[in-house]
N, C-alpha and C. Protein backbone atom coordinates (compact mmCIF):
# COMPACT_ATOMS: atom_id res chain seq x y z
N UNK A 1 74.86 24.00 -103.19
CA UNK A 1 74.48 24.18 -101.72
C UNK A 1 72.99 24.90 -102.24
N UNK A 2 72.52 25.92 -103.61
CA UNK A 2 71.23 26.42 -103.05
C UNK A 2 70.03 25.08 -103.59
N UNK A 3 70.78 24.02 -103.89
CA UNK A 3 69.67 22.94 -103.83
C UNK A 3 69.77 22.67 -102.67
N UNK A 4 70.55 22.13 -102.06
CA UNK A 4 70.69 21.40 -100.97
C UNK A 4 69.39 22.11 -99.72
N UNK A 5 69.69 24.25 -99.46
CA UNK A 5 68.76 24.78 -98.45
C UNK A 5 66.84 24.89 -99.02
N UNK A 6 67.30 24.71 -100.38
CA UNK A 6 65.62 24.38 -100.60
C UNK A 6 65.19 23.35 -101.26
N UNK A 7 65.33 22.27 -100.36
CA UNK A 7 65.12 20.43 -100.06
C UNK A 7 65.13 21.09 -98.71
N UNK A 8 65.93 21.52 -97.45
CA UNK A 8 66.10 21.47 -96.22
C UNK A 8 64.13 22.14 -96.30
N UNK A 9 64.32 23.68 -96.93
CA UNK A 9 63.21 24.21 -95.98
C UNK A 9 61.97 23.14 -96.56
N UNK A 10 62.32 22.85 -98.23
CA UNK A 10 60.72 22.25 -97.60
C UNK A 10 60.41 21.09 -97.11
N UNK A 11 61.47 19.90 -97.12
CA UNK A 11 60.69 19.00 -95.74
C UNK A 11 60.62 19.81 -94.51
N UNK A 12 61.48 20.27 -93.85
CA UNK A 12 60.97 21.59 -92.99
C UNK A 12 59.28 22.03 -92.86
N UNK A 13 58.84 22.76 -93.99
CA UNK A 13 57.19 22.84 -93.96
C UNK A 13 56.22 21.92 -94.12
N UNK A 14 56.97 21.09 -95.22
CA UNK A 14 55.76 19.91 -95.61
C UNK A 14 55.67 18.72 -94.24
N UNK A 15 56.66 17.99 -94.07
CA UNK A 15 57.00 16.98 -92.14
C UNK A 15 56.87 17.72 -91.24
N UNK A 16 58.11 18.68 -90.62
CA UNK A 16 58.61 18.96 -89.42
C UNK A 16 57.68 20.05 -89.29
N UNK A 17 57.23 20.77 -89.37
CA UNK A 17 56.75 21.54 -89.44
C UNK A 17 55.02 22.22 -88.33
N UNK A 18 53.95 20.94 -89.59
CA UNK A 18 52.82 20.26 -89.63
C UNK A 18 52.62 19.74 -88.37
N UNK A 19 53.62 18.61 -87.71
CA UNK A 19 54.05 17.58 -86.70
C UNK A 19 53.91 18.58 -85.42
N UNK A 20 54.98 19.11 -85.57
CA UNK A 20 54.90 19.81 -84.57
C UNK A 20 55.39 21.39 -83.49
N UNK A 21 54.65 21.86 -84.24
CA UNK A 21 54.42 23.30 -84.67
C UNK A 21 52.57 23.78 -84.60
N UNK A 22 52.73 24.63 -83.77
CA UNK A 22 50.76 25.07 -83.83
C UNK A 22 50.54 26.36 -85.20
N UNK A 23 49.97 26.68 -85.57
CA UNK A 23 50.07 27.99 -86.30
C UNK A 23 48.69 28.50 -85.81
N UNK A 24 48.63 29.34 -85.49
CA UNK A 24 49.23 30.59 -85.27
C UNK A 24 50.86 30.25 -84.27
N UNK A 25 51.89 30.63 -84.57
CA UNK A 25 52.77 31.04 -83.10
C UNK A 25 53.89 31.92 -83.77
N UNK A 26 54.40 31.85 -82.49
CA UNK A 26 55.67 32.85 -82.65
C UNK A 26 56.73 31.93 -82.90
N UNK A 27 58.26 32.42 -84.12
CA UNK A 27 59.35 31.60 -84.10
C UNK A 27 60.24 32.38 -84.36
N UNK A 28 61.36 32.40 -84.42
CA UNK A 28 63.13 32.85 -84.78
C UNK A 28 63.46 31.96 -86.31
N UNK A 29 64.00 32.62 -86.68
CA UNK A 29 64.97 32.50 -87.46
C UNK A 29 66.68 33.24 -87.27
N UNK A 30 67.32 32.47 -87.01
CA UNK A 30 68.48 32.46 -86.87
C UNK A 30 69.61 32.78 -87.66
N UNK A 31 70.52 32.78 -88.06
CA UNK A 31 71.01 33.20 -89.39
C UNK A 31 70.03 33.00 -90.85
N UNK A 32 69.24 34.35 -90.70
CA UNK A 32 68.31 34.00 -91.85
C UNK A 32 69.13 34.57 -93.31
N UNK A 33 69.89 34.63 -93.35
CA UNK A 33 69.76 34.73 -94.46
C UNK A 33 69.75 35.44 -95.29
N UNK A 34 69.03 35.35 -96.57
CA UNK A 34 68.08 36.59 -97.69
C UNK A 34 66.94 36.76 -96.53
N UNK A 35 66.38 34.71 -96.11
CA UNK A 35 64.77 35.18 -95.67
C UNK A 35 64.06 34.66 -95.97
N UNK A 36 64.16 33.90 -96.95
CA UNK A 36 63.82 33.17 -97.94
C UNK A 36 63.00 31.62 -96.12
N UNK A 37 63.09 30.95 -95.53
CA UNK A 37 62.17 30.53 -94.59
C UNK A 37 62.01 31.03 -94.04
N UNK A 38 62.20 32.71 -94.15
CA UNK A 38 61.49 33.70 -92.98
C UNK A 38 59.70 33.68 -93.61
N UNK A 39 59.79 33.50 -94.52
CA UNK A 39 58.58 33.84 -95.91
C UNK A 39 57.70 32.81 -95.88
N UNK A 40 59.19 32.10 -95.36
CA UNK A 40 58.38 30.16 -95.74
C UNK A 40 56.79 30.40 -94.81
N UNK A 41 57.60 30.52 -93.33
CA UNK A 41 57.17 30.77 -91.91
C UNK A 41 56.24 32.29 -92.09
N UNK A 42 56.58 32.60 -92.64
CA UNK A 42 54.88 33.70 -92.82
C UNK A 42 54.05 33.22 -93.80
N UNK A 43 53.71 32.94 -94.52
CA UNK A 43 53.09 31.94 -95.03
C UNK A 43 52.20 31.01 -94.42
N UNK A 44 52.95 30.62 -93.66
CA UNK A 44 52.02 29.50 -92.83
C UNK A 44 51.61 30.06 -91.65
N UNK A 45 51.92 31.50 -91.92
CA UNK A 45 50.65 31.39 -90.18
C UNK A 45 51.11 31.91 -88.82
N UNK A 46 53.21 32.46 -89.18
CA UNK A 46 53.76 32.90 -88.18
C UNK A 46 54.59 33.71 -87.65
N UNK A 47 54.43 34.49 -86.52
CA UNK A 47 54.88 36.02 -86.28
C UNK A 47 56.62 35.33 -86.09
N UNK A 48 57.25 36.05 -87.11
CA UNK A 48 58.50 35.74 -86.48
C UNK A 48 59.47 37.01 -86.31
N UNK A 49 60.46 36.57 -85.83
CA UNK A 49 61.93 37.75 -86.35
C UNK A 49 62.44 37.58 -86.57
N UNK A 50 63.41 37.10 -87.82
CA UNK A 50 64.19 37.17 -88.33
C UNK A 50 66.05 37.99 -87.70
N UNK A 51 66.56 36.97 -88.22
CA UNK A 51 68.26 38.05 -87.41
C UNK A 51 69.71 37.26 -88.27
N UNK A 52 69.75 37.83 -89.06
CA UNK A 52 71.67 37.23 -89.63
C UNK A 52 72.78 38.19 -89.18
N UNK A 53 73.75 37.74 -88.16
CA UNK A 53 74.97 38.66 -88.47
C UNK A 53 75.67 38.86 -89.22
N UNK A 54 75.44 39.29 -90.87
CA UNK A 54 75.98 38.89 -91.49
C UNK A 54 75.68 40.39 -92.13
N UNK A 55 76.38 41.79 -92.48
CA UNK A 55 75.45 42.86 -92.95
C UNK A 55 75.12 42.99 -94.53
N UNK A 56 75.81 42.02 -95.00
CA UNK A 56 75.34 41.67 -96.44
C UNK A 56 74.08 41.60 -97.24
N UNK A 57 73.72 40.24 -96.19
CA UNK A 57 71.87 39.52 -96.41
C UNK A 57 70.99 40.60 -95.47
N UNK A 58 71.25 41.57 -94.99
CA UNK A 58 70.64 42.37 -94.18
C UNK A 58 69.84 43.67 -95.17
N UNK A 59 70.19 44.10 -95.26
CA UNK A 59 69.08 44.63 -96.85
C UNK A 59 67.94 43.56 -98.09
N UNK A 60 67.93 42.26 -97.30
CA UNK A 60 67.80 42.12 -98.59
C UNK A 60 66.00 41.67 -97.61
N UNK A 61 66.61 40.74 -96.21
CA UNK A 61 65.70 40.78 -95.01
C UNK A 61 65.22 41.70 -94.29
N UNK A 62 65.85 43.26 -95.08
CA UNK A 62 64.81 44.40 -93.62
C UNK A 62 64.11 44.51 -94.52
N UNK A 63 63.98 44.38 -95.82
CA UNK A 63 63.21 44.97 -97.66
C UNK A 63 61.85 43.45 -97.61
N UNK A 64 62.93 42.83 -97.49
CA UNK A 64 61.73 41.29 -97.24
C UNK A 64 60.56 41.47 -95.45
N UNK A 65 61.34 41.77 -94.77
CA UNK A 65 60.24 41.77 -93.18
C UNK A 65 59.42 43.48 -93.43
N UNK A 66 59.36 43.85 -94.57
CA UNK A 66 58.25 45.53 -94.51
C UNK A 66 57.14 45.03 -94.99
N UNK A 67 57.35 43.23 -96.58
CA UNK A 67 57.21 42.99 -97.33
C UNK A 67 55.55 41.77 -96.01
N UNK A 68 56.84 40.92 -95.21
CA UNK A 68 56.12 40.56 -94.16
C UNK A 68 55.55 41.22 -93.10
N UNK A 69 55.65 42.88 -93.02
CA UNK A 69 54.64 42.86 -91.91
C UNK A 69 53.64 43.63 -92.34
N UNK A 70 52.89 43.23 -93.65
CA UNK A 70 52.08 43.98 -93.94
C UNK A 70 50.79 42.49 -93.32
N UNK A 71 51.89 41.31 -93.53
CA UNK A 71 50.02 40.21 -93.92
C UNK A 71 50.32 39.49 -92.18
N UNK A 72 50.77 40.12 -91.05
CA UNK A 72 50.72 39.06 -90.16
C UNK A 72 51.77 39.90 -88.16
N UNK A 73 52.70 40.33 -88.98
CA UNK A 73 54.18 40.59 -87.98
C UNK A 73 55.50 39.91 -88.50
N UNK A 74 56.28 40.99 -88.46
CA UNK A 74 58.23 40.00 -88.46
C UNK A 74 58.74 41.29 -87.75
N UNK A 75 59.83 40.77 -87.44
CA UNK A 75 61.11 42.02 -87.97
C UNK A 75 62.27 41.21 -88.20
N UNK A 76 62.95 42.96 -88.67
CA UNK A 76 64.46 41.89 -88.61
C UNK A 76 65.21 42.95 -88.10
N UNK A 77 66.38 41.78 -88.13
CA UNK A 77 67.30 43.04 -86.91
C UNK A 77 68.65 42.26 -87.10
N UNK A 78 69.67 42.48 -87.02
CA UNK A 78 71.40 42.42 -86.88
C UNK A 78 71.60 42.33 -86.01
N UNK A 79 72.63 41.45 -85.55
CA UNK A 79 73.49 41.03 -84.69
C UNK A 79 74.92 41.82 -84.57
N UNK A 80 75.17 42.26 -83.90
CA UNK A 80 76.78 43.29 -83.74
C UNK A 80 77.66 42.13 -83.37
N UNK A 81 78.89 42.25 -84.37
CA UNK A 81 79.56 41.84 -84.54
C UNK A 81 81.38 42.47 -83.46
N UNK A 82 80.61 43.00 -82.27
CA UNK A 82 81.90 43.63 -82.29
C UNK A 82 81.44 43.38 -80.38
């Protein structure tokens, strides 16, 4: 599954985003998991908000957001499951 996700990220970065999104722009990464795609978007110049409702992934995302904030602004948040 990891290779499939990696391939999708590469496809989006190479073919879809350059055609349909203007950088700098704002993006929302819903279901961000570990934040891997959020990091790709940030490197492309996007300001973003990343969220995931699965608590085990959130510490990774929050530490990633600290890194992303240094280069242009990002937020990591969790959605309540209640």
